[in-house]
Amino acid sequence: MMTDNEDLKVTGIYSKFWRITLVVLSMLMIFAGPTYLTYILANVMKIDYFASIGVGFVIFIAGLGLMFFLMRKKLITI
């Protein structure tokens, strides 16, 4: 007999908590990385513009990689 506490386990990558967390993280990396992070690095922290663009591009690629990983593991479907 399952109790309510067994439904709320946060163990493993296939739990609902980790699926939601990883999807939100990948979306932030894909959309906010090249835009807001680049702006913060270049204008607020006064880091070189091309270095901030490079960091934004790396974050974007990492977000795409995470998204493809989630799709390959069938954690999300389109």
C-alpha atoms as a PDB file:
ATOM      1  CA  MET A   1       0.000   0.000   0.000  1.00  0.00           C
ATOM      2  CA  MET A   2       1.469   3.348  -1.053  1.00  0.00           C
ATOM      3  CA  THR A   3       1.360   6.304   1.257  1.00  0.00           C
ATOM      4  CA  ASP A   4       1.461   9.961   0.297  1.00  0.00           C
ATOM      5  CA  ASN A   5       5.079  10.235   1.433  1.00  0.00           C
ATOM      6  CA  GLU A   6       6.225   7.672  -1.140  1.00  0.00           C
ATOM      7  CA  ASP A   7       4.828   9.822  -3.958  1.00  0.00           C
ATOM      8  CA  LEU A   8       6.991  12.781  -2.900  1.00  0.00           C
ATOM      9  CA  LYS A   9      10.394  11.102  -3.158  1.00  0.00           C
ATOM     10  CA  VAL A  10      13.030  13.276  -4.807  1.00  0.00           C
ATOM     11  CA  THR A  11      15.468  10.500  -5.601  1.00  0.00           C
ATOM     12  CA  GLY A  12      16.669   9.710  -9.084  1.00  0.00           C
ATOM     13  CA  ILE A  13      16.653  11.649 -12.308  1.00  0.00           C
ATOM     14  CA  TYR A  14      13.241  10.272 -13.258  1.00  0.00           C
ATOM     15  CA  SER A  15      11.423  11.897 -10.343  1.00  0.00           C
ATOM     16  CA  LYS A  16       9.022  14.690 -11.134  1.00  0.00           C
ATOM     17  CA  PHE A  17      11.082  17.184  -9.129  1.00  0.00           C
ATOM     18  CA  TRP A  18      14.284  16.547 -11.118  1.00  0.00           C
ATOM     19  CA  ARG A  19      12.484  16.512 -14.467  1.00  0.00           C
ATOM     20  CA  ILE A  20      10.947  19.915 -13.794  1.00  0.00           C
ATOM     21  CA  THR A  21      14.167  21.321 -12.347  1.00  0.00           C
ATOM     22  CA  LEU A  22      16.290  20.174 -15.287  1.00  0.00           C
ATOM     23  CA  VAL A  23      13.814  21.457 -17.885  1.00  0.00           C
ATOM     24  CA  VAL A  24      13.647  24.875 -16.197  1.00  0.00           C
ATOM     25  CA  LEU A  25      17.450  24.966 -15.916  1.00  0.00           C
ATOM     26  CA  SER A  26      17.902  24.117 -19.583  1.00  0.00           C
ATOM     27  CA  MET A  27      15.380  26.770 -20.620  1.00  0.00           C
ATOM     28  CA  LEU A  28      17.167  29.373 -18.498  1.00  0.00           C
ATOM     29  CA  MET A  29      20.475  28.375 -20.046  1.00  0.00           C
ATOM     30  CA  ILE A  30      19.081  28.529 -23.583  1.00  0.00           C
ATOM     31  CA  PHE A  31      17.152  31.789 -23.319  1.00  0.00           C
ATOM     32  CA  ALA A  32      18.648  33.787 -20.449  1.00  0.00           C
ATOM     33  CA  GLY A  33      22.278  32.761 -20.960  1.00  0.00           C
ATOM     34  CA  PRO A  34      22.909  34.539 -24.260  1.00  0.00           C
ATOM     35  CA  THR A  35      20.766  37.559 -23.374  1.00  0.00           C
ATOM     36  CA  TYR A  36      20.657  38.561 -19.719  1.00  0.00           C
ATOM     37  CA  LEU A  37      23.910  36.910 -18.675  1.00  0.00           C
ATOM     38  CA  THR A  38      25.756  38.584 -21.557  1.00  0.00           C
ATOM     39  CA  TYR A  39      24.268  41.950 -20.594  1.00  0.00           C
ATOM     40  CA  ILE A  40      25.171  41.518 -16.915  1.00  0.00           C
ATOM     41  CA  LEU A  41      28.719  40.462 -17.706  1.00  0.00           C
ATOM     42  CA  ALA A  42      29.351  43.238 -20.240  1.00  0.00           C
ATOM     43  CA  ASN A  43      27.570  46.221 -18.713  1.00  0.00           C
ATOM     44  CA  VAL A  44      27.238  45.557 -14.995  1.00  0.00           C
ATOM     45  CA  MET A  45      30.447  43.648 -14.260  1.00  0.00           C
ATOM     46  CA  LYS A  46      32.447  45.543 -16.963  1.00  0.00           C
ATOM     47  CA  ILE A  47      33.883  42.363 -18.520  1.00  0.00           C
ATOM     48  CA  ASP A  48      35.092  42.557 -22.128  1.00  0.00           C
ATOM     49  CA  TYR A  49      32.198  42.422 -24.588  1.00  0.00           C
ATOM     50  CA  PHE A  50      33.588  39.549 -26.657  1.00  0.00           C
ATOM     51  CA  ALA A  51      34.352  37.513 -23.539  1.00  0.00           C
ATOM     52  CA  SER A  52      30.773  37.975 -22.344  1.00  0.00           C
ATOM     53  CA  ILE A  53      29.462  36.920 -25.761  1.00  0.00           C
ATOM     54  CA  GLY A  54      31.674  33.825 -25.563  1.00  0.00           C
ATOM     55  CA  VAL A  55      30.362  32.931 -22.108  1.00  0.00           C
ATOM     56  CA  GLY A  56      26.783  33.430 -23.316  1.00  0.00           C
ATOM     57  CA  PHE A  57      27.433  31.164 -26.298  1.00  0.00           C
ATOM     58  CA  VAL A  58      28.930  28.441 -24.092  1.00  0.00           C
ATOM     59  CA  ILE A  59      25.923  28.621 -21.739  1.00  0.00           C
ATOM     60  CA  PHE A  60      23.600  28.409 -24.758  1.00  0.00           C
ATOM     61  CA  ILE A  61      25.366  25.298 -26.105  1.00  0.00           C
ATOM     62  CA  ALA A  62      25.323  23.697 -22.644  1.00  0.00           C
ATOM     63  CA  GLY A  63      21.567  24.373 -22.392  1.00  0.00           C
ATOM     64  CA  LEU A  64      20.977  22.772 -25.780  1.00  0.00           C
ATOM     65  CA  GLY A  65      23.084  19.800 -24.721  1.00  0.00           C
ATOM     66  CA  LEU A  66      21.057  19.410 -21.544  1.00  0.00           C
ATOM     67  CA  MET A  67      17.803  19.637 -23.518  1.00  0.00           C
ATOM     68  CA  PHE A  68      18.939  16.963 -25.991  1.00  0.00           C
ATOM     69  CA  PHE A  69      20.061  14.790 -23.072  1.00  0.00           C
ATOM     70  CA  LEU A  70      16.602  15.090 -21.500  1.00  0.00           C
ATOM     71  CA  MET A  71      14.915  14.231 -24.782  1.00  0.00           C
ATOM     72  CA  ARG A  72      17.232  11.249 -25.397  1.00  0.00           C
ATOM     73  CA  LYS A  73      16.534   9.869 -21.908  1.00  0.00           C
ATOM     74  CA  LYS A  74      12.791  10.332 -22.609  1.00  0.00           C
ATOM     75  CA  LEU A  75      12.406  12.620 -19.600  1.00  0.00           C
ATOM     76  CA  ILE A  76      10.603  15.077 -21.854  1.00  0.00           C
ATOM     77  CA  THR A  77       8.826  14.477 -25.143  1.00  0.00           C
ATOM     78  CA  ILE A  78       7.894  16.831 -27.913  1.00  0.00           C
END
